C-alpha atoms as a PDB file:
ATOM      1  CA  MET A   1       6.449 -17.616 -34.280  1.00  0.00           C
ATOM      2  CA  SER A   2       3.993 -14.729 -34.245  1.00  0.00           C
ATOM      3  CA  ASP A   3       4.879 -11.215 -35.201  1.00  0.00           C
ATOM      4  CA  ALA A   4       3.914  -8.279 -32.966  1.00  0.00           C
ATOM      5  CA  ARG A   5       2.508  -6.644 -36.089  1.00  0.00           C
ATOM      6  CA  ASP A   6      -0.226  -9.309 -36.051  1.00  0.00           C
ATOM      7  CA  LEU A   7      -1.730  -7.665 -32.962  1.00  0.00           C
ATOM      8  CA  SER A   8      -3.379  -4.265 -32.710  1.00  0.00           C
ATOM      9  CA  LEU A   9      -4.937  -2.640 -29.649  1.00  0.00           C
ATOM     10  CA  THR A  10      -7.302   0.298 -29.903  1.00  0.00           C
ATOM     11  CA  MET A  11      -9.745   2.084 -27.654  1.00  0.00           C
ATOM     12  CA  ALA A  12     -13.244   0.892 -28.516  1.00  0.00           C
ATOM     13  CA  THR A  13     -15.576   3.091 -30.500  1.00  0.00           C
ATOM     14  CA  GLU A  14     -19.333   3.369 -30.219  1.00  0.00           C
ATOM     15  CA  GLN A  15     -19.683   1.322 -33.415  1.00  0.00           C
ATOM     16  CA  GLU A  16     -18.029  -1.606 -31.591  1.00  0.00           C
ATOM     17  CA  VAL A  17     -20.712  -1.917 -28.906  1.00  0.00           C
ATOM     18  CA  PRO A  18     -22.141  -5.102 -30.514  1.00  0.00           C
ATOM     19  CA  LEU A  19     -18.639  -6.626 -30.463  1.00  0.00           C
ATOM     20  CA  ILE A  20     -18.161  -5.631 -26.818  1.00  0.00           C
ATOM     21  CA  LEU A  21     -21.436  -7.336 -25.899  1.00  0.00           C
ATOM     22  CA  THR A  22     -20.323 -10.447 -27.781  1.00  0.00           C
ATOM     23  CA  PHE A  23     -17.085 -10.497 -25.762  1.00  0.00           C
ATOM     24  CA  ILE A  24     -19.056 -10.054 -22.517  1.00  0.00           C
ATOM     25  CA  LYS A  25     -21.301 -13.001 -23.387  1.00  0.00           C
ATOM     26  CA  SER A  26     -18.282 -15.140 -24.313  1.00  0.00           C
ATOM     27  CA  LEU A  27     -16.628 -14.273 -21.005  1.00  0.00           C
ATOM     28  CA  ALA A  28     -19.810 -15.150 -19.127  1.00  0.00           C
ATOM     29  CA  GLU A  29     -19.938 -18.510 -20.886  1.00  0.00           C
ATOM     30  CA  TYR A  30     -16.300 -19.192 -19.945  1.00  0.00           C
ATOM     31  CA  GLU A  31     -16.978 -18.208 -16.320  1.00  0.00           C
ATOM     32  CA  ARG A  32     -20.170 -20.320 -16.229  1.00  0.00           C
ATOM     33  CA  LEU A  33     -22.240 -17.171 -15.585  1.00  0.00           C
ATOM     34  CA  THR A  34     -24.281 -16.922 -18.789  1.00  0.00           C
ATOM     35  CA  ASP A  35     -27.524 -16.355 -16.878  1.00  0.00           C
ATOM     36  CA  ALA A  36     -26.008 -13.339 -15.104  1.00  0.00           C
ATOM     37  CA  VAL A  37     -25.634 -11.292 -18.303  1.00  0.00           C
ATOM     38  CA  VAL A  38     -28.396  -8.719 -18.605  1.00  0.00           C
ATOM     39  CA  ALA A  39     -26.292  -6.102 -20.430  1.00  0.00           C
ATOM     40  CA  THR A  40     -27.737  -4.686 -23.642  1.00  0.00           C
ATOM     41  CA  GLU A  41     -26.218  -2.772 -26.515  1.00  0.00           C
ATOM     42  CA  ASP A  42     -28.201   0.325 -25.516  1.00  0.00           C
ATOM     43  CA  GLY A  43     -27.025   0.093 -21.916  1.00  0.00           C
ATOM     44  CA  LEU A  44     -23.403  -0.369 -22.958  1.00  0.00           C
ATOM     45  CA  ARG A  45     -23.652   2.492 -25.440  1.00  0.00           C
ATOM     46  CA  GLN A  46     -24.905   4.802 -22.684  1.00  0.00           C
ATOM     47  CA  SER A  47     -22.373   3.614 -20.101  1.00  0.00           C
ATOM     48  CA  LEU A  48     -19.343   3.661 -22.393  1.00  0.00           C
ATOM     49  CA  PHE A  49     -20.125   6.477 -24.827  1.00  0.00           C
ATOM     50  CA  GLY A  50     -22.982   8.520 -23.335  1.00  0.00           C
ATOM     51  CA  PRO A  51     -22.743  12.009 -21.823  1.00  0.00           C
ATOM     52  CA  LYS A  52     -21.050  10.689 -18.654  1.00  0.00           C
ATOM     53  CA  PRO A  53     -19.059   7.585 -19.627  1.00  0.00           C
ATOM     54  CA  CYS A  54     -18.269   5.463 -16.583  1.00  0.00           C
ATOM     55  CA  ALA A  55     -16.008   2.877 -18.208  1.00  0.00           C
ATOM     56  CA  GLU A  56     -13.707   2.397 -21.173  1.00  0.00           C
ATOM     57  CA  CYS A  57     -12.810  -0.547 -23.356  1.00  0.00           C
ATOM     58  CA  VAL A  58      -9.780  -1.703 -25.333  1.00  0.00           C
ATOM     59  CA  ILE A  59     -10.234  -4.056 -28.280  1.00  0.00           C
ATOM     60  CA  ALA A  60      -7.484  -6.447 -29.365  1.00  0.00           C
ATOM     61  CA  ARG A  61      -7.372  -7.624 -32.963  1.00  0.00           C
ATOM     62  CA  TRP A  62      -5.168 -10.385 -34.325  1.00  0.00           C
ATOM     63  CA  GLN A  63      -4.518  -9.958 -38.039  1.00  0.00           C
ATOM     64  CA  GLY A  64      -7.628  -7.775 -38.127  1.00  0.00           C
ATOM     65  CA  GLU A  65      -9.881 -10.308 -36.399  1.00  0.00           C
ATOM     66  CA  PRO A  66     -11.419  -9.452 -32.996  1.00  0.00           C
ATOM     67  CA  ALA A  67      -9.325 -11.390 -30.484  1.00  0.00           C
ATOM     68  CA  GLY A  68     -10.143  -9.982 -27.046  1.00  0.00           C
ATOM     69  CA  PHE A  69     -11.083  -7.035 -24.911  1.00  0.00           C
ATOM     70  CA  ALA A  70     -10.408  -5.304 -21.619  1.00  0.00           C
ATOM     71  CA  LEU A  71     -13.120  -3.201 -19.985  1.00  0.00           C
ATOM     72  CA  PHE A  72     -11.964  -0.887 -17.201  1.00  0.00           C
ATOM     73  CA  PHE A  73     -12.767   2.205 -15.173  1.00  0.00           C
ATOM     74  CA  HIS A  74     -11.057   4.543 -12.750  1.00  0.00           C
ATOM     75  CA  ASN A  75     -11.232   4.085  -9.013  1.00  0.00           C
ATOM     76  CA  PHE A  76      -9.472   6.123  -6.349  1.00  0.00           C
ATOM     77  CA  SER A  77      -7.084   5.321  -3.509  1.00  0.00           C
ATOM     78  CA  THR A  78      -7.465   7.638  -0.554  1.00  0.00           C
ATOM     79  CA  PHE A  79      -4.205   6.315   0.886  1.00  0.00           C
ATOM     80  CA  LEU A  80      -2.291   7.104  -2.305  1.00  0.00           C
ATOM     81  CA  GLY A  81      -4.307  10.229  -3.024  1.00  0.00           C
ATOM     82  CA  ARG A  82      -4.366   9.171  -6.677  1.00  0.00           C
ATOM     83  CA  PRO A  83      -6.644   7.398  -9.108  1.00  0.00           C
ATOM     84  CA  GLY A  84      -6.218   3.808 -10.115  1.00  0.00           C
ATOM     85  CA  ILE A  85      -7.500   1.651 -12.920  1.00  0.00           C
ATOM     86  CA  TYR A  86      -9.814  -1.232 -12.121  1.00  0.00           C
ATOM     87  CA  LEU A  87      -9.937  -3.896 -14.796  1.00  0.00           C
ATOM     88  CA  GLU A  88     -13.508  -5.164 -14.717  1.00  0.00           C
ATOM     89  CA  ASP A  89     -13.147  -7.770 -17.437  1.00  0.00           C
ATOM     90  CA  LEU A  90     -10.437  -9.159 -19.675  1.00  0.00           C
ATOM     91  CA  PHE A  91     -11.209 -11.882 -22.182  1.00  0.00           C
ATOM     92  CA  VAL A  92      -9.333 -13.444 -25.081  1.00  0.00           C
ATOM     93  CA  ASN A  93     -11.166 -15.696 -27.511  1.00  0.00           C
ATOM     94  CA  PRO A  94      -9.876 -19.272 -27.216  1.00  0.00           C
ATOM     95  CA  GLU A  95      -8.399 -19.387 -30.724  1.00  0.00           C
ATOM     96  CA  PHE A  96      -6.156 -16.406 -29.902  1.00  0.00           C
ATOM     97  CA  ARG A  97      -4.880 -17.577 -26.522  1.00  0.00           C
ATOM     98  CA  GLY A  98      -1.165 -18.237 -26.206  1.00  0.00           C
ATOM     99  CA  LYS A  99      -0.303 -15.465 -28.669  1.00  0.00           C
ATOM    100  CA  GLY A 100       0.364 -12.751 -26.073  1.00  0.00           C
ATOM    101  CA  VAL A 101      -3.000 -11.000 -26.448  1.00  0.00           C
ATOM    102  CA  GLY A 102      -3.851 -11.048 -22.733  1.00  0.00           C
ATOM    103  CA  ARG A 103      -0.411  -9.829 -21.768  1.00  0.00           C
ATOM    104  CA  ALA A 104      -0.598  -7.071 -24.391  1.00  0.00           C
ATOM    105  CA  LEU A 105      -3.960  -5.912 -23.023  1.00  0.00           C
ATOM    106  CA  LEU A 106      -2.558  -5.759 -19.491  1.00  0.00           C
ATOM    107  CA  GLN A 107       0.559  -3.969 -20.720  1.00  0.00           C
ATOM    108  CA  PHE A 108      -1.649  -1.435 -22.542  1.00  0.00           C
ATOM    109  CA  LEU A 109      -3.529  -0.764 -19.297  1.00  0.00           C
ATOM    110  CA  ALA A 110      -0.294  -0.521 -17.294  1.00  0.00           C
ATOM    111  CA  LYS A 111       1.021   2.110 -19.706  1.00  0.00           C
ATOM    112  CA  LEU A 112      -2.308   3.942 -19.609  1.00  0.00           C
ATOM    113  CA  ALA A 113      -2.218   3.891 -15.794  1.00  0.00           C
ATOM    114  CA  GLN A 114       1.221   5.488 -15.857  1.00  0.00           C
ATOM    115  CA  GLU A 115       0.167   8.104 -18.425  1.00  0.00           C
ATOM    116  CA  ARG A 116      -2.843   8.996 -16.251  1.00  0.00           C
ATOM    117  CA  ASN A 117      -0.762   9.173 -13.049  1.00  0.00           C
ATOM    118  CA  CYS A 118      -2.569   6.206 -11.524  1.00  0.00           C
ATOM    119  CA  GLY A 119      -1.133   4.562  -8.448  1.00  0.00           C
ATOM    120  CA  ARG A 120      -2.205   1.029  -9.303  1.00  0.00           C
ATOM    121  CA  LEU A 121      -3.941  -1.385 -11.638  1.00  0.00           C
ATOM    122  CA  GLU A 122      -6.263  -3.880  -9.959  1.00  0.00           C
ATOM    123  CA  TRP A 123      -8.664  -6.673 -10.885  1.00  0.00           C
ATOM    124  CA  SER A 124     -10.399  -9.718  -9.461  1.00  0.00           C
ATOM    125  CA  VAL A 125     -10.116 -13.299 -10.621  1.00  0.00           C
ATOM    126  CA  LEU A 126     -12.321 -16.284  -9.874  1.00  0.00           C
ATOM    127  CA  ASP A 127     -10.563 -18.581  -7.418  1.00  0.00           C
ATOM    128  CA  TRP A 128     -10.972 -21.629  -9.693  1.00  0.00           C
ATOM    129  CA  ASN A 129      -9.257 -19.965 -12.661  1.00  0.00           C
ATOM    130  CA  GLU A 130      -5.808 -21.418 -11.986  1.00  0.00           C
ATOM    131  CA  SER A 131      -4.417 -20.641 -15.444  1.00  0.00           C
ATOM    132  CA  ALA A 132      -5.284 -16.940 -15.073  1.00  0.00           C
ATOM    133  CA  ILE A 133      -3.949 -16.840 -11.504  1.00  0.00           C
ATOM    134  CA  GLY A 134      -0.677 -18.402 -12.637  1.00  0.00           C
ATOM    135  CA  PHE A 135      -0.386 -15.942 -15.499  1.00  0.00           C
ATOM    136  CA  TYR A 136      -1.091 -12.935 -13.261  1.00  0.00           C
ATOM    137  CA  LYS A 137       1.531 -14.065 -10.759  1.00  0.00           C
ATOM    138  CA  SER A 138       4.036 -14.559 -13.588  1.00  0.00           C
ATOM    139  CA  ILE A 139       3.772 -10.873 -14.522  1.00  0.00           C
ATOM    140  CA  GLY A 140       4.295  -9.751 -10.932  1.00  0.00           C
ATOM    141  CA  ALA A 141       0.700  -9.318  -9.725  1.00  0.00           C
ATOM    142  CA  VAL A 142       0.046 -10.317  -6.125  1.00  0.00           C
ATOM    143  CA  PRO A 143      -3.232 -11.558  -4.652  1.00  0.00           C
ATOM    144  CA  LEU A 144      -4.663  -9.425  -1.853  1.00  0.00           C
ATOM    145  CA  GLU A 145      -5.742 -12.264   0.377  1.00  0.00           C
ATOM    146  CA  GLU A 146      -6.446 -10.002   3.345  1.00  0.00           C
ATOM    147  CA  TRP A 147      -9.334  -8.333   1.472  1.00  0.00           C
ATOM    148  CA  THR A 148     -12.827  -9.702   0.901  1.00  0.00           C
ATOM    149  CA  ILE A 149     -15.102  -8.241  -1.750  1.00  0.00           C
ATOM    150  CA  PHE A 150     -18.603  -7.334  -0.605  1.00  0.00           C
ATOM    151  CA  ARG A 151     -21.514  -6.598  -2.923  1.00  0.00           C
ATOM    152  CA  LEU A 152     -24.995  -5.159  -2.586  1.00  0.00           C
ATOM    153  CA  LYS A 153     -27.414  -5.789  -5.439  1.00  0.00           C
ATOM    154  CA  ASP A 154     -31.057  -6.290  -6.266  1.00  0.00           C
ATOM    155  CA  GLU A 155     -33.287  -6.421  -3.163  1.00  0.00           C
ATOM    156  CA  ALA A 156     -30.492  -5.716  -0.666  1.00  0.00           C
ATOM    157  CA  LEU A 157     -29.394  -2.629  -2.593  1.00  0.00           C
ATOM    158  CA  SER A 158     -32.950  -1.373  -2.862  1.00  0.00           C
ATOM    159  CA  ARG A 159     -33.630  -2.055   0.795  1.00  0.00           C
ATOM    160  CA  LEU A 160     -30.559  -0.108   1.943  1.00  0.00           C
ATOM    161  CA  ALA A 161     -31.329   2.760  -0.421  1.00  0.00           C
ATOM    162  CA  THR A 162     -34.879   3.170   0.837  1.00  0.00           C
ATOM    163  CA  HIS A 163     -34.673   2.354   4.564  1.00  0.00           C
END
């Protein structure tokens, strides 16, 4: 039986940027998207800790060892008239799964959302990730099946921006 004192959650510091990038690469490997990672330490440092940070990160440690992370940012609901938190990525290293690390990260974000007067906490999950989907449903999350995510990037983004 694990003890809650084995787990600590803290907001990431600039010195942890290399660790954050390691988590991102591990997540990409798990999601079979290794080739999609172009993030760099310098880019993360600017985005997370520069003059206008656009995202935040929570680091989970199990008995002092890096166990997982959650990277998130604020969005806004016009219907609610309040901000929300969008969880971009959550990852727990395989050797720490089943110890409550993922749940603790989500609980941390839920508490943070309440403290910041957010109306909701949202995220996306790959449709093949049945274990994650089952876990999310077990904590009361519901899939928004009536919504489809659209994305502009690379050439399409440039084309729209310039024409």
